[in-house]
């Protein structure tokens, strides 16, 4: 007995979604510049989502390149405090991202 899908329209949407997802993943694998740009956006989103409201106003600039996140902090005492917790910050950011993108963090 052959079972037909209960809703063929939803079945087609599911296949289209999977095809689109696969296509985007393939594009990101091939296009290094695009992949790096997407990763940079993901890292920035993670930073501003995880850092509390006392850190975000002092974040002047972020740069992510080759696994290193450089963060410009305008407050020297805060920069020093964040420097002491680098490993924990890296772990939390990577956990939020769901992948090990950040290997090193530099505060300036």
N, C-alpha and C. Protein backbone atom coordinates (compact mmCIF):
# COMPACT_ATOMS: atom_id res chain seq x y z
N UNK A 1 0.83 -1.16 0.00
CA UNK A 1 0.00 0.00 0.00
C UNK A 1 0.88 1.24 0.00
N UNK A 2 0.67 2.14 -0.91
CA UNK A 2 1.47 3.34 -1.05
C UNK A 2 0.79 4.50 -0.33
N UNK A 3 1.50 5.08 0.63
CA UNK A 3 0.94 6.20 1.38
C UNK A 3 1.23 7.50 0.65
N UNK A 4 0.21 8.26 0.40
CA UNK A 4 0.42 9.57 -0.21
C UNK A 4 0.46 10.60 0.91
N UNK A 5 1.24 11.69 0.71
CA UNK A 5 1.33 12.69 1.76
C UNK A 5 -0.04 13.29 2.05
N UNK A 6 -0.29 13.57 3.32
CA UNK A 6 -1.59 14.12 3.72
C UNK A 6 -1.80 15.51 3.15
N UNK A 7 -0.72 16.27 2.97
CA UNK A 7 -0.83 17.61 2.40
C UNK A 7 0.32 17.79 1.40
N UNK A 8 0.07 17.55 0.13
CA UNK A 8 1.14 17.63 -0.87
C UNK A 8 1.77 19.02 -0.94
N UNK A 9 1.03 20.06 -0.63
CA UNK A 9 1.57 21.41 -0.67
C UNK A 9 2.66 21.59 0.37
N UNK A 10 2.44 21.09 1.58
CA UNK A 10 3.44 21.18 2.63
C UNK A 10 4.66 20.34 2.30
N UNK A 11 4.45 19.21 1.69
CA UNK A 11 5.56 18.32 1.30
C UNK A 11 6.46 19.05 0.31
N UNK A 12 5.88 19.74 -0.65
CA UNK A 12 6.66 20.49 -1.64
C UNK A 12 7.43 21.63 -1.00
N UNK A 13 6.84 22.31 -0.01
CA UNK A 13 7.52 23.40 0.69
C UNK A 13 8.71 22.87 1.46
N UNK A 14 8.54 21.70 2.08
CA UNK A 14 9.62 21.10 2.85
C UNK A 14 10.81 20.79 1.94
N UNK A 15 10.53 20.21 0.78
CA UNK A 15 11.59 19.89 -0.18
C UNK A 15 12.27 21.16 -0.67
N UNK A 16 11.49 22.21 -0.95
CA UNK A 16 12.04 23.47 -1.41
C UNK A 16 12.93 24.08 -0.34
N UNK A 17 12.49 24.03 0.91
CA UNK A 17 13.27 24.57 2.01
C UNK A 17 14.59 23.83 2.14
N UNK A 18 14.56 22.51 2.05
CA UNK A 18 15.79 21.73 2.13
C UNK A 18 16.70 22.04 0.95
N UNK A 19 16.15 22.17 -0.23
CA UNK A 19 16.96 22.50 -1.40
C UNK A 19 17.61 23.87 -1.24
N UNK A 20 16.86 24.84 -0.74
CA UNK A 20 17.39 26.17 -0.53
C UNK A 20 18.49 26.15 0.51
N UNK A 21 18.27 25.44 1.60
CA UNK A 21 19.27 25.34 2.66
C UNK A 21 20.55 24.71 2.11
N UNK A 22 20.39 23.62 1.36
CA UNK A 22 21.56 22.95 0.77
C UNK A 22 22.28 23.86 -0.20
N UNK A 23 21.52 24.59 -1.00
CA UNK A 23 22.11 25.50 -1.98
C UNK A 23 22.92 26.58 -1.28
N UNK A 24 22.37 27.15 -0.20
CA UNK A 24 23.10 28.18 0.55
C UNK A 24 24.36 27.62 1.19
N UNK A 25 24.26 26.42 1.76
CA UNK A 25 25.44 25.80 2.36
C UNK A 25 26.52 25.55 1.31
N UNK A 26 26.12 25.08 0.15
CA UNK A 26 27.08 24.85 -0.94
C UNK A 26 27.72 26.15 -1.39
N UNK A 27 26.92 27.21 -1.48
CA UNK A 27 27.44 28.51 -1.89
C UNK A 27 28.45 29.02 -0.88
N UNK A 28 28.15 28.87 0.41
CA UNK A 28 29.07 29.33 1.45
C UNK A 28 30.37 28.53 1.46
N UNK A 29 30.28 27.25 1.10
CA UNK A 29 31.49 26.42 1.03
C UNK A 29 32.39 26.89 -0.11
N UNK A 30 31.78 27.28 -1.22
CA UNK A 30 32.55 27.67 -2.41
C UNK A 30 33.05 29.10 -2.34
N UNK A 31 32.24 30.01 -1.82
CA UNK A 31 32.56 31.44 -1.82
C UNK A 31 33.16 31.86 -0.48
N UNK A 32 34.48 31.89 -0.40
CA UNK A 32 35.17 32.18 0.84
C UNK A 32 34.85 33.58 1.35
N UNK A 33 34.81 34.56 0.45
CA UNK A 33 34.54 35.94 0.85
C UNK A 33 33.14 36.06 1.47
N UNK A 34 32.16 35.41 0.87
CA UNK A 34 30.80 35.43 1.38
C UNK A 34 30.73 34.72 2.73
N UNK A 35 31.41 33.57 2.85
CA UNK A 35 31.41 32.82 4.11
C UNK A 35 32.00 33.66 5.24
N UNK A 36 33.11 34.35 4.96
CA UNK A 36 33.74 35.18 5.98
C UNK A 36 32.83 36.33 6.38
N UNK A 37 32.12 36.89 5.43
CA UNK A 37 31.20 37.98 5.71
C UNK A 37 30.03 37.50 6.58
N UNK A 38 29.51 36.33 6.28
CA UNK A 38 28.42 35.75 7.08
C UNK A 38 28.92 35.45 8.49
N UNK A 39 30.10 34.87 8.61
CA UNK A 39 30.66 34.56 9.92
C UNK A 39 30.86 35.83 10.74
N UNK A 40 31.34 36.89 10.10
CA UNK A 40 31.54 38.17 10.79
C UNK A 40 30.21 38.67 11.35
N UNK A 41 29.17 38.59 10.56
CA UNK A 41 27.84 39.00 11.02
C UNK A 41 27.35 38.14 12.17
N UNK A 42 27.59 36.85 12.09
CA UNK A 42 27.18 35.93 13.17
C UNK A 42 27.90 36.26 14.47
N UNK A 43 29.20 36.54 14.38
CA UNK A 43 30.01 36.84 15.56
C UNK A 43 29.55 38.16 16.18
N UNK A 44 29.30 39.17 15.34
CA UNK A 44 28.82 40.45 15.86
C UNK A 44 27.47 40.28 16.56
N UNK A 45 26.59 39.52 15.94
CA UNK A 45 25.28 39.27 16.55
C UNK A 45 25.45 38.57 17.90
N UNK A 46 26.34 37.60 17.97
CA UNK A 46 26.58 36.87 19.21
C UNK A 46 27.11 37.82 20.29
N UNK A 47 28.05 38.68 19.94
CA UNK A 47 28.63 39.62 20.91
C UNK A 47 27.54 40.52 21.51
N UNK A 48 26.77 41.15 20.64
CA UNK A 48 25.76 42.10 21.13
C UNK A 48 24.58 41.40 21.81
N UNK A 49 24.38 40.12 21.52
CA UNK A 49 23.31 39.37 22.19
C UNK A 49 23.74 38.88 23.57
N UNK A 50 25.01 38.52 23.71
CA UNK A 50 25.49 37.94 24.97
C UNK A 50 26.01 38.95 25.98
N UNK A 51 26.60 40.02 25.50
CA UNK A 51 27.17 41.00 26.42
C UNK A 51 26.04 41.80 27.06
N UNK A 52 26.19 42.04 28.34
CA UNK A 52 25.09 42.74 29.02
C UNK A 52 25.15 44.25 28.74
N UNK A 53 24.16 44.94 29.26
CA UNK A 53 23.99 46.36 28.94
C UNK A 53 25.09 47.24 29.50
N UNK A 54 25.93 46.70 30.38
CA UNK A 54 27.06 47.50 30.87
C UNK A 54 28.27 47.42 29.94
N UNK A 55 28.33 46.41 29.09
CA UNK A 55 29.46 46.24 28.18
C UNK A 55 29.17 46.86 26.80
N UNK A 56 27.98 46.65 26.29
CA UNK A 56 27.62 47.08 24.93
C UNK A 56 27.87 48.58 24.68
N UNK A 57 27.50 49.48 25.60
CA UNK A 57 27.75 50.90 25.32
C UNK A 57 29.24 51.26 25.18
N UNK A 58 30.10 50.44 25.77
CA UNK A 58 31.54 50.69 25.70
C UNK A 58 32.22 49.94 24.55
N UNK A 59 31.43 49.21 23.78
CA UNK A 59 31.97 48.50 22.62
C UNK A 59 31.98 49.48 21.45
N UNK A 60 33.19 49.85 21.04
CA UNK A 60 33.33 50.84 19.96
C UNK A 60 33.33 50.18 18.59
N UNK A 61 34.01 49.04 18.49
CA UNK A 61 34.19 48.40 17.18
C UNK A 61 34.53 46.93 17.39
N UNK A 62 34.11 46.09 16.43
CA UNK A 62 34.45 44.67 16.43
C UNK A 62 35.08 44.33 15.08
N UNK A 63 36.05 43.42 15.12
CA UNK A 63 36.60 42.88 13.88
C UNK A 63 36.83 41.39 14.08
N UNK A 64 36.39 40.60 13.11
CA UNK A 64 36.58 39.15 13.18
C UNK A 64 37.32 38.71 11.94
N UNK A 65 38.48 38.09 12.14
CA UNK A 65 39.28 37.63 11.00
C UNK A 65 40.10 36.42 11.42
N UNK A 66 40.00 35.37 10.63
CA UNK A 66 40.81 34.15 10.84
C UNK A 66 40.73 33.61 12.27
N UNK A 67 39.52 33.58 12.83
CA UNK A 67 39.32 33.00 14.15
C UNK A 67 39.64 33.93 15.31
N UNK A 68 40.06 35.16 15.01
CA UNK A 68 40.39 36.12 16.06
C UNK A 68 39.37 37.24 16.08
N UNK A 69 38.78 37.45 17.24
CA UNK A 69 37.84 38.54 17.44
C UNK A 69 38.58 39.66 18.17
N UNK A 70 38.63 40.82 17.54
CA UNK A 70 39.23 42.00 18.15
C UNK A 70 38.10 42.94 18.53
N UNK A 71 38.09 43.35 19.80
CA UNK A 71 37.02 44.21 20.31
C UNK A 71 37.64 45.48 20.87
N UNK A 72 37.21 46.61 20.36
CA UNK A 72 37.66 47.89 20.87
C UNK A 72 36.68 48.32 21.97
N UNK A 73 37.20 48.46 23.19
CA UNK A 73 36.42 48.85 24.36
C UNK A 73 36.92 50.23 24.80
N UNK A 74 36.00 51.17 24.99
CA UNK A 74 36.38 52.56 25.30
C UNK A 74 36.70 52.79 26.77
N UNK A 75 36.45 51.82 27.62
CA UNK A 75 36.72 51.96 29.05
C UNK A 75 37.89 51.04 29.44
N UNK A 76 38.98 51.65 29.90
CA UNK A 76 40.16 50.85 30.28
C UNK A 76 39.86 49.86 31.42
N UNK A 77 39.17 50.26 32.48
CA UNK A 77 38.88 49.29 33.55
C UNK A 77 38.03 48.12 33.05
N UNK A 78 37.04 48.41 32.21
CA UNK A 78 36.21 47.34 31.66
C UNK A 78 37.03 46.43 30.75
N UNK A 79 37.89 47.02 29.94
CA UNK A 79 38.77 46.25 29.04
C UNK A 79 39.62 45.28 29.86
N UNK A 80 40.16 45.76 30.99
CA UNK A 80 40.99 44.93 31.86
C UNK A 80 40.17 43.79 32.46
N UNK A 81 38.97 44.10 32.90
CA UNK A 81 38.09 43.08 33.48
C UNK A 81 37.72 42.01 32.45
N UNK A 82 37.38 42.44 31.25
CA UNK A 82 37.03 41.49 30.19
C UNK A 82 38.23 40.62 29.82
N UNK A 83 39.43 41.20 29.85
CA UNK A 83 40.64 40.45 29.50
C UNK A 83 40.85 39.27 30.45
N UNK A 84 40.45 39.44 31.70
CA UNK A 84 40.61 38.35 32.67
C UNK A 84 39.66 37.18 32.40
N UNK A 85 38.58 37.43 31.68
CA UNK A 85 37.60 36.37 31.42
C UNK A 85 37.55 35.92 29.97
N UNK A 86 38.67 36.05 29.26
CA UNK A 86 38.70 35.74 27.82
C UNK A 86 38.21 34.32 27.49
N UNK A 87 38.71 33.34 28.23
CA UNK A 87 38.34 31.95 27.92
C UNK A 87 36.84 31.73 28.07
N UNK A 88 36.27 32.27 29.13
CA UNK A 88 34.84 32.11 29.35
C UNK A 88 34.03 32.84 28.26
N UNK A 89 34.48 34.01 27.88
CA UNK A 89 33.79 34.78 26.83
C UNK A 89 33.84 34.02 25.51
N UNK A 90 35.01 33.49 25.17
CA UNK A 90 35.15 32.71 23.93
C UNK A 90 34.22 31.50 23.96
N UNK A 91 34.22 30.78 25.08
CA UNK A 91 33.35 29.60 25.20
C UNK A 91 31.88 29.96 25.05
N UNK A 92 31.46 31.05 25.71
CA UNK A 92 30.06 31.47 25.62
C UNK A 92 29.67 31.90 24.22
N UNK A 93 30.55 32.64 23.55
CA UNK A 93 30.27 33.08 22.18
C UNK A 93 30.16 31.88 21.24
N UNK A 94 31.11 30.95 21.34
CA UNK A 94 31.08 29.76 20.47
C UNK A 94 29.85 28.90 20.76
N UNK A 95 29.48 28.81 22.02
CA UNK A 95 28.28 28.05 22.38
C UNK A 95 27.05 28.70 21.75
N UNK A 96 26.96 30.01 21.84
CA UNK A 96 25.85 30.76 21.24
C UNK A 96 25.82 30.54 19.72
N UNK A 97 27.00 30.54 19.10
CA UNK A 97 27.10 30.36 17.65
C UNK A 97 26.82 28.91 17.22
N UNK A 98 27.00 27.98 18.13
CA UNK A 98 26.80 26.57 17.81
C UNK A 98 27.95 25.96 17.04
N UNK A 99 29.07 26.67 17.01
CA UNK A 99 30.27 26.16 16.33
C UNK A 99 31.48 26.90 16.86
N UNK A 100 32.63 26.30 16.68
CA UNK A 100 33.89 26.87 17.18
C UNK A 100 34.48 27.83 16.15
N UNK A 101 33.97 29.04 16.10
CA UNK A 101 34.49 30.04 15.16
C UNK A 101 35.61 30.86 15.80
N UNK A 102 35.44 31.20 17.06
CA UNK A 102 36.37 32.11 17.73
C UNK A 102 37.41 31.30 18.50
N UNK A 103 38.67 31.51 18.14
CA UNK A 103 39.77 30.82 18.82
C UNK A 103 40.53 31.76 19.75
N UNK A 104 40.45 33.06 19.45
CA UNK A 104 41.23 34.03 20.21
C UNK A 104 40.43 35.34 20.28
N UNK A 105 40.59 36.07 21.39
CA UNK A 105 39.94 37.36 21.52
C UNK A 105 40.97 38.39 22.01
N UNK A 106 40.94 39.55 21.40
CA UNK A 106 41.85 40.63 21.76
C UNK A 106 41.01 41.85 22.12
N UNK A 107 41.31 42.44 23.27
CA UNK A 107 40.62 43.68 23.68
C UNK A 107 41.58 44.84 23.50
N UNK A 108 41.10 45.88 22.85
CA UNK A 108 41.92 47.09 22.63
C UNK A 108 41.18 48.29 23.13
